């Protein structure tokens, strides 16, 4: 197998600002007891509502993991 480098390029990793990319962060909570996951939302309070509803239905499920989705993109430099 032959490997050829045609042109060296520098890359930068930064927030995804491309058209259609999600704006800001998305929040999601997951129960650490059973693994159920709530709605993913850009509003923290909306996402956190899952923890109250889930514990209300399952009083022994009191631990949660927050998953934050932040979108990144690689950009070519000069």
PDB file of N, CA and C in Angstrom:
ATOM      1  N   UNK A   1       0.855  -1.183   0.000  1.00  0.00           N
ATOM      2  CA  UNK A   1       0.000   0.000   0.000  1.00  0.00           C
ATOM      3  C   UNK A   1       0.895   1.238   0.000  1.00  0.00           C
ATOM      4  N   UNK A   2       0.593   2.168  -0.850  1.00  0.00           N
ATOM      5  CA  UNK A   2       1.345   3.410  -0.960  1.00  0.00           C
ATOM      6  C   UNK A   2       0.532   4.534  -0.346  1.00  0.00           C
ATOM      7  N   UNK A   3       1.219   5.360   0.394  1.00  0.00           N
ATOM      8  CA  UNK A   3       0.551   6.507   1.008  1.00  0.00           C
ATOM      9  C   UNK A   3       1.166   7.772   0.441  1.00  0.00           C
ATOM     10  N   UNK A   4       0.309   8.697  -0.011  1.00  0.00           N
ATOM     11  CA  UNK A   4       0.766   9.949  -0.590  1.00  0.00           C
ATOM     12  C   UNK A   4       0.117  11.116   0.138  1.00  0.00           C
ATOM     13  N   UNK A   5       0.929  12.094   0.493  1.00  0.00           N
ATOM     14  CA  UNK A   5       0.406  13.321   1.075  1.00  0.00           C
ATOM     15  C   UNK A   5       0.409  14.356  -0.038  1.00  0.00           C
ATOM     16  N   UNK A   6      -0.779  14.822  -0.398  1.00  0.00           N
ATOM     17  CA  UNK A   6      -0.882  15.785  -1.488  1.00  0.00           C
ATOM     18  C   UNK A   6      -0.653  17.204  -0.978  1.00  0.00           C
ATOM     19  N   UNK A   7      -1.264  17.516   0.148  1.00  0.00           N
ATOM     20  CA  UNK A   7      -1.116  18.852   0.703  1.00  0.00           C
ATOM     21  C   UNK A   7      -1.378  18.782   2.199  1.00  0.00           C
ATOM     22  N   UNK A   8      -0.493  19.332   2.973  1.00  0.00           N
ATOM     23  CA  UNK A   8      -0.680  19.366   4.412  1.00  0.00           C
ATOM     24  C   UNK A   8      -1.654  20.486   4.741  1.00  0.00           C
ATOM     25  N   UNK A   9      -2.580  20.199   5.658  1.00  0.00           N
ATOM     26  CA  UNK A   9      -3.555  21.222   6.050  1.00  0.00           C
ATOM     27  C   UNK A   9      -3.625  21.288   7.567  1.00  0.00           C
ATOM     28  N   UNK A  10      -3.828  22.471   8.065  1.00  0.00           N
ATOM     29  CA  UNK A  10      -4.068  22.658   9.490  1.00  0.00           C
ATOM     30  C   UNK A  10      -5.571  22.635   9.730  1.00  0.00           C
ATOM     31  N   UNK A  11      -5.958  22.050  10.849  1.00  0.00           N
ATOM     32  CA  UNK A  11      -7.366  21.956  11.212  1.00  0.00           C
ATOM     33  C   UNK A  11      -7.581  22.609  12.568  1.00  0.00           C
ATOM     34  N   UNK A  12      -8.769  23.142  12.740  1.00  0.00           N
ATOM     35  CA  UNK A  12      -9.186  23.723  14.012  1.00  0.00           C
ATOM     36  C   UNK A  12     -10.515  23.098  14.396  1.00  0.00           C
ATOM     37  N   UNK A  13     -10.679  22.814  15.667  1.00  0.00           N
ATOM     38  CA  UNK A  13     -11.948  22.280  16.162  1.00  0.00           C
ATOM     39  C   UNK A  13     -12.638  23.386  16.953  1.00  0.00           C
ATOM     40  N   UNK A  14     -13.890  23.686  16.595  1.00  0.00           N
ATOM     41  CA  UNK A  14     -14.620  24.749  17.282  1.00  0.00           C
ATOM     42  C   UNK A  14     -16.108  24.479  17.270  1.00  0.00           C
ATOM     43  N   UNK A  15     -16.853  25.309  17.961  1.00  0.00           N
ATOM     44  CA  UNK A  15     -18.313  25.144  17.982  1.00  0.00           C
ATOM     45  C   UNK A  15     -18.885  25.117  16.568  1.00  0.00           C
ATOM     46  N   UNK A  16     -19.861  24.256  16.366  1.00  0.00           N
ATOM     47  CA  UNK A  16     -20.487  24.120  15.043  1.00  0.00           C
ATOM     48  C   UNK A  16     -21.422  25.289  14.800  1.00  0.00           C
ATOM     49  N   UNK A  17     -21.071  26.124  13.858  1.00  0.00           N
ATOM     50  CA  UNK A  17     -21.889  27.291  13.510  1.00  0.00           C
ATOM     51  C   UNK A  17     -22.440  27.164  12.092  1.00  0.00           C
ATOM     52  N   UNK A  18     -22.413  25.955  11.561  1.00  0.00           N
ATOM     53  CA  UNK A  18     -22.902  25.745  10.200  1.00  0.00           C
ATOM     54  C   UNK A  18     -24.428  25.879  10.166  1.00  0.00           C
ATOM     55  N   UNK A  19     -24.994  26.177   8.989  1.00  0.00           N
ATOM     56  CA  UNK A  19     -26.452  26.293   8.877  1.00  0.00           C
ATOM     57  C   UNK A  19     -27.133  24.999   9.333  1.00  0.00           C
ATOM     58  N   UNK A  20     -28.141  25.126  10.156  1.00  0.00           N
ATOM     59  CA  UNK A  20     -28.883  23.967  10.636  1.00  0.00           C
ATOM     60  C   UNK A  20     -28.311  23.326  11.888  1.00  0.00           C
ATOM     61  N   UNK A  21     -27.144  23.774  12.330  1.00  0.00           N
ATOM     62  CA  UNK A  21     -26.547  23.212  13.545  1.00  0.00           C
ATOM     63  C   UNK A  21     -27.355  23.673  14.762  1.00  0.00           C
ATOM     64  N   UNK A  22     -27.490  22.810  15.754  1.00  0.00           N
ATOM     65  CA  UNK A  22     -28.214  23.222  16.973  1.00  0.00           C
ATOM     66  C   UNK A  22     -27.552  24.436  17.615  1.00  0.00           C
ATOM     67  N   UNK A  23     -28.357  25.312  18.162  1.00  0.00           N
ATOM     68  CA  UNK A  23     -27.869  26.525  18.805  1.00  0.00           C
ATOM     69  C   UNK A  23     -27.619  26.238  20.285  1.00  0.00           C
ATOM     70  N   UNK A  24     -26.414  26.373  20.741  1.00  0.00           N
ATOM     71  CA  UNK A  24     -26.118  26.195  22.158  1.00  0.00           C
ATOM     72  C   UNK A  24     -26.053  24.739  22.574  1.00  0.00           C
ATOM     73  N   UNK A  25     -26.446  24.480  23.817  1.00  0.00           N
ATOM     74  CA  UNK A  25     -26.354  23.147  24.409  1.00  0.00           C
ATOM     75  C   UNK A  25     -27.705  22.452  24.429  1.00  0.00           C
ATOM     76  N   UNK A  26     -27.663  21.130  24.436  1.00  0.00           N
ATOM     77  CA  UNK A  26     -28.860  20.329  24.668  1.00  0.00           C
ATOM     78  C   UNK A  26     -28.627  19.552  25.962  1.00  0.00           C
ATOM     79  N   UNK A  27     -29.641  19.468  26.818  1.00  0.00           N
ATOM     80  CA  UNK A  27     -29.545  18.793  28.109  1.00  0.00           C
ATOM     81  C   UNK A  27     -30.425  17.547  28.102  1.00  0.00           C
ATOM     82  N   UNK A  28     -29.964  16.537  28.835  1.00  0.00           N
ATOM     83  CA  UNK A  28     -30.693  15.287  28.922  1.00  0.00           C
ATOM     84  C   UNK A  28     -30.339  14.651  30.268  1.00  0.00           C
ATOM     85  N   UNK A  29     -31.298  14.031  30.922  1.00  0.00           N
ATOM     86  CA  UNK A  29     -31.045  13.350  32.193  1.00  0.00           C
ATOM     87  C   UNK A  29     -31.323  11.871  32.051  1.00  0.00           C
ATOM     88  N   UNK A  30     -30.473  11.070  32.704  1.00  0.00           N
ATOM     89  CA  UNK A  30     -30.609   9.615  32.661  1.00  0.00           C
ATOM     90  C   UNK A  30     -30.606   9.085  34.097  1.00  0.00           C
ATOM     91  N   UNK A  31     -31.556   8.208  34.384  1.00  0.00           N
ATOM     92  CA  UNK A  31     -31.642   7.569  35.694  1.00  0.00           C
ATOM     93  C   UNK A  31     -30.475   6.596  35.828  1.00  0.00           C
ATOM     94  N   UNK A  32     -29.704   6.713  36.930  1.00  0.00           N
ATOM     95  CA  UNK A  32     -28.561   5.814  37.121  1.00  0.00           C
ATOM     96  C   UNK A  32     -28.988   4.474  37.729  1.00  0.00           C
ATOM     97  N   UNK A  33     -30.261   4.350  38.101  1.00  0.00           N
ATOM     98  CA  UNK A  33     -30.760   3.082  38.633  1.00  0.00           C
ATOM     99  C   UNK A  33     -31.218   2.156  37.508  1.00  0.00           C
ATOM    100  N   UNK A  34     -32.042   2.679  36.594  1.00  0.00           N
ATOM    101  CA  UNK A  34     -32.618   1.816  35.552  1.00  0.00           C
ATOM    102  C   UNK A  34     -32.189   2.185  34.132  1.00  0.00           C
ATOM    103  N   UNK A  35     -31.574   3.338  33.958  1.00  0.00           N
ATOM    104  CA  UNK A  35     -31.107   3.734  32.628  1.00  0.00           C
ATOM    105  C   UNK A  35     -32.110   4.490  31.785  1.00  0.00           C
ATOM    106  N   UNK A  36     -33.341   4.670  32.297  1.00  0.00           N
ATOM    107  CA  UNK A  36     -34.324   5.455  31.532  1.00  0.00           C
ATOM    108  C   UNK A  36     -33.785   6.858  31.290  1.00  0.00           C
ATOM    109  N   UNK A  37     -34.087   7.392  30.117  1.00  0.00           N
ATOM    110  CA  UNK A  37     -33.600   8.713  29.729  1.00  0.00           C
ATOM    111  C   UNK A  37     -34.771   9.622  29.403  1.00  0.00           C
ATOM    112  N   UNK A  38     -34.672  10.855  29.872  1.00  0.00           N
ATOM    113  CA  UNK A  38     -35.717  11.836  29.608  1.00  0.00           C
ATOM    114  C   UNK A  38     -35.521  12.520  28.274  1.00  0.00           C
ATOM    115  N   UNK A  39     -36.396  13.477  28.030  1.00  0.00           N
ATOM    116  CA  UNK A  39     -36.373  14.250  26.787  1.00  0.00           C
ATOM    117  C   UNK A  39     -35.122  15.116  26.713  1.00  0.00           C
ATOM    118  N   UNK A  40     -34.526  15.160  25.546  1.00  0.00           N
ATOM    119  CA  UNK A  40     -33.378  16.029  25.283  1.00  0.00           C
ATOM    120  C   UNK A  40     -33.934  17.403  24.905  1.00  0.00           C
ATOM    121  N   UNK A  41     -33.449  18.449  25.585  1.00  0.00           N
ATOM    122  CA  UNK A  41     -34.012  19.776  25.355  1.00  0.00           C
ATOM    123  C   UNK A  41     -32.935  20.839  25.477  1.00  0.00           C
ATOM    124  N   UNK A  42     -33.130  21.949  24.759  1.00  0.00           N
ATOM    125  CA  UNK A  42     -32.213  23.079  24.909  1.00  0.00           C
ATOM    126  C   UNK A  42     -32.525  23.874  26.177  1.00  0.00           C
ATOM    127  N   UNK A  43     -33.665  23.580  26.807  1.00  0.00           N
ATOM    128  CA  UNK A  43     -34.045  24.238  28.053  1.00  0.00           C
ATOM    129  C   UNK A  43     -33.730  23.302  29.229  1.00  0.00           C
ATOM    130  N   UNK A  44     -32.843  23.718  30.116  1.00  0.00           N
ATOM    131  CA  UNK A  44     -32.414  22.895  31.245  1.00  0.00           C
ATOM    132  C   UNK A  44     -33.596  22.450  32.105  1.00  0.00           C
ATOM    133  N   UNK A  45     -34.498  23.361  32.430  1.00  0.00           N
ATOM    134  CA  UNK A  45     -35.638  23.043  33.298  1.00  0.00           C
ATOM    135  C   UNK A  45     -36.546  21.992  32.666  1.00  0.00           C
ATOM    136  N   UNK A  46     -36.771  22.093  31.373  1.00  0.00           N
ATOM    137  CA  UNK A  46     -37.596  21.105  30.672  1.00  0.00           C
ATOM    138  C   UNK A  46     -36.957  19.726  30.764  1.00  0.00           C
ATOM    139  N   UNK A  47     -35.654  19.656  30.547  1.00  0.00           N
ATOM    140  CA  UNK A  47     -34.949  18.378  30.631  1.00  0.00           C
ATOM    141  C   UNK A  47     -34.975  17.840  32.064  1.00  0.00           C
ATOM    142  N   UNK A  48     -34.815  18.714  33.044  1.00  0.00           N
ATOM    143  CA  UNK A  48     -34.768  18.294  34.447  1.00  0.00           C
ATOM    144  C   UNK A  48     -36.120  17.812  34.953  1.00  0.00           C
ATOM    145  N   UNK A  49     -37.209  18.241  34.339  1.00  0.00           N
ATOM    146  CA  UNK A  49     -38.542  17.786  34.745  1.00  0.00           C
ATOM    147  C   UNK A  49     -38.637  16.266  34.770  1.00  0.00           C
ATOM    148  N   UNK A  50     -37.889  15.610  33.889  1.00  0.00           N
ATOM    149  CA  UNK A  50     -37.887  14.153  33.852  1.00  0.00           C
ATOM    150  C   UNK A  50     -37.513  13.563  35.212  1.00  0.00           C
ATOM    151  N   UNK A  51     -36.546  14.171  35.913  1.00  0.00           N
ATOM    152  CA  UNK A  51     -36.090  13.617  37.191  1.00  0.00           C
ATOM    153  C   UNK A  51     -37.218  13.615  38.220  1.00  0.00           C
ATOM    154  N   UNK A  52     -38.019  14.658  38.269  1.00  0.00           N
ATOM    155  CA  UNK A  52     -39.138  14.738  39.215  1.00  0.00           C
ATOM    156  C   UNK A  52     -40.233  13.727  38.863  1.00  0.00           C
ATOM    157  N   UNK A  53     -40.544  13.644  37.580  1.00  0.00           N
ATOM    158  CA  UNK A  53     -41.579  12.702  37.128  1.00  0.00           C
ATOM    159  C   UNK A  53     -41.138  11.258  37.362  1.00  0.00           C
ATOM    160  N   UNK A  54     -39.895  10.966  37.035  1.00  0.00           N
ATOM    161  CA  UNK A  54     -39.405   9.592  37.150  1.00  0.00           C
ATOM    162  C   UNK A  54     -39.317   9.155  38.617  1.00  0.00           C
ATOM    163  N   UNK A  55     -38.805  10.018  39.485  1.00  0.00           N
ATOM    164  CA  UNK A  55     -38.731   9.674  40.908  1.00  0.00           C
ATOM    165  C   UNK A  55     -40.129   9.575  41.500  1.00  0.00           C
ATOM    166  N   UNK A  56     -41.070  10.378  41.010  1.00  0.00           N
ATOM    167  CA  UNK A  56     -42.452  10.287  41.470  1.00  0.00           C
ATOM    168  C   UNK A  56     -43.056   8.923  41.179  1.00  0.00           C
ATOM    169  N   UNK A  57     -42.709   8.353  40.037  1.00  0.00           N
ATOM    170  CA  UNK A  57     -43.214   7.018  39.663  1.00  0.00           C
ATOM    171  C   UNK A  57     -42.370   5.894  40.257  1.00  0.00           C
ATOM    172  N   UNK A  58     -41.116   6.201  40.579  1.00  0.00           N
ATOM    173  CA  UNK A  58     -40.158   5.200  41.077  1.00  0.00           C
ATOM    174  C   UNK A  58     -39.388   5.796  42.261  1.00  0.00           C
ATOM    175  N   UNK A  59     -39.968   5.828  43.466  1.00  0.00           N
ATOM    176  CA  UNK A  59     -39.366   6.530  44.605  1.00  0.00           C
ATOM    177  C   UNK A  59     -37.949   6.096  44.974  1.00  0.00           C
ATOM    178  N   UNK A  60     -37.541   4.914  44.582  1.00  0.00           N
ATOM    179  CA  UNK A  60     -36.176   4.471  44.905  1.00  0.00           C
ATOM    180  C   UNK A  60     -35.146   4.897  43.854  1.00  0.00           C
ATOM    181  N   UNK A  61     -35.616   5.490  42.781  1.00  0.00           N
ATOM    182  CA  UNK A  61     -34.710   5.947  41.716  1.00  0.00           C
ATOM    183  C   UNK A  61     -34.378   7.416  41.991  1.00  0.00           C
ATOM    184  N   UNK A  62     -33.287   7.640  42.703  1.00  0.00           N
ATOM    185  CA  UNK A  62     -32.955   9.006  43.128  1.00  0.00           C
ATOM    186  C   UNK A  62     -31.660   9.542  42.523  1.00  0.00           C
ATOM    187  N   UNK A  63     -30.942   8.731  41.759  1.00  0.00           N
ATOM    188  CA  UNK A  63     -29.691   9.183  41.153  1.00  0.00           C
ATOM    189  C   UNK A  63     -29.856   9.437  39.662  1.00  0.00           C
ATOM    190  N   UNK A  64     -29.263  10.532  39.192  1.00  0.00           N
ATOM    191  CA  UNK A  64     -29.381  10.906  37.776  1.00  0.00           C
ATOM    192  C   UNK A  64     -28.052  11.392  37.238  1.00  0.00           C
ATOM    193  N   UNK A  65     -27.876  11.201  35.961  1.00  0.00           N
ATOM    194  CA  UNK A  65     -26.707  11.690  35.245  1.00  0.00           C
ATOM    195  C   UNK A  65     -27.197  12.710  34.228  1.00  0.00           C
ATOM    196  N   UNK A  66     -26.565  13.875  34.222  1.00  0.00           N
ATOM    197  CA  UNK A  66     -26.900  14.849  33.182  1.00  0.00           C
ATOM    198  C   UNK A  66     -25.965  14.615  32.003  1.00  0.00           C
ATOM    199  N   UNK A  67     -26.543  14.559  30.820  1.00  0.00           N
ATOM    200  CA  UNK A  67     -25.766  14.435  29.587  1.00  0.00           C
ATOM    201  C   UNK A  67     -25.927  15.760  28.847  1.00  0.00           C
ATOM    202  N   UNK A  68     -24.819  16.406  28.568  1.00  0.00           N
ATOM    203  CA  UNK A  68     -24.846  17.689  27.854  1.00  0.00           C
ATOM    204  C   UNK A  68     -24.314  17.452  26.451  1.00  0.00           C
ATOM    205  N   UNK A  69     -25.098  17.856  25.476  1.00  0.00           N
ATOM    206  CA  UNK A  69     -24.695  17.723  24.071  1.00  0.00           C
ATOM    207  C   UNK A  69     -24.231  19.087  23.588  1.00  0.00           C
ATOM    208  N   UNK A  70     -22.975  19.139  23.189  1.00  0.00           N
ATOM    209  CA  UNK A  70     -22.392  20.370  22.633  1.00  0.00           C
ATOM    210  C   UNK A  70     -21.839  19.985  21.267  1.00  0.00           C
ATOM    211  N   UNK A  71     -22.194  20.684  20.249  1.00  0.00           N
ATOM    212  CA  UNK A  71     -21.851  20.287  18.889  1.00  0.00           C
ATOM    213  C   UNK A  71     -20.606  21.019  18.390  1.00  0.00           C
ATOM    214  N   UNK A  72     -19.674  20.241  17.865  1.00  0.00           N
ATOM    215  CA  UNK A  72     -18.393  20.759  17.390  1.00  0.00           C
ATOM    216  C   UNK A  72     -18.204  20.381  15.929  1.00  0.00           C
ATOM    217  N   UNK A  73     -17.352  21.123  15.262  1.00  0.00           N
ATOM    218  CA  UNK A  73     -17.040  20.870  13.852  1.00  0.00           C
ATOM    219  C   UNK A  73     -15.563  21.138  13.627  1.00  0.00           C
ATOM    220  N   UNK A  74     -14.993  20.369  12.726  1.00  0.00           N
ATOM    221  CA  UNK A  74     -13.596  20.595  12.320  1.00  0.00           C
ATOM    222  C   UNK A  74     -13.602  21.573  11.142  1.00  0.00           C
ATOM    223  N   UNK A  75     -12.735  22.572  11.235  1.00  0.00           N
ATOM    224  CA  UNK A  75     -12.605  23.574  10.173  1.00  0.00           C
ATOM    225  C   UNK A  75     -11.184  23.539   9.618  1.00  0.00           C
ATOM    226  N   UNK A  76     -11.080  23.647   8.310  1.00  0.00           N
ATOM    227  CA  UNK A  76      -9.770  23.695   7.685  1.00  0.00           C
ATOM    228  C   UNK A  76      -9.174  25.083   7.836  1.00  0.00           C
ATOM    229  N   UNK A  77      -7.910  25.104   8.192  1.00  0.00           N
ATOM    230  CA  UNK A  77      -7.185  26.377   8.260  1.00  0.00           C
ATOM    231  C   UNK A  77      -6.504  26.634   6.937  1.00  0.00           C
ATOM    232  N   UNK A  78      -5.672  27.665   6.918  1.00  0.00           N
ATOM    233  CA  UNK A  78      -4.958  27.973   5.661  1.00  0.00           C
ATOM    234  C   UNK A  78      -3.601  27.335   5.630  1.00  0.00           C
TER     235      UNK A  78
END
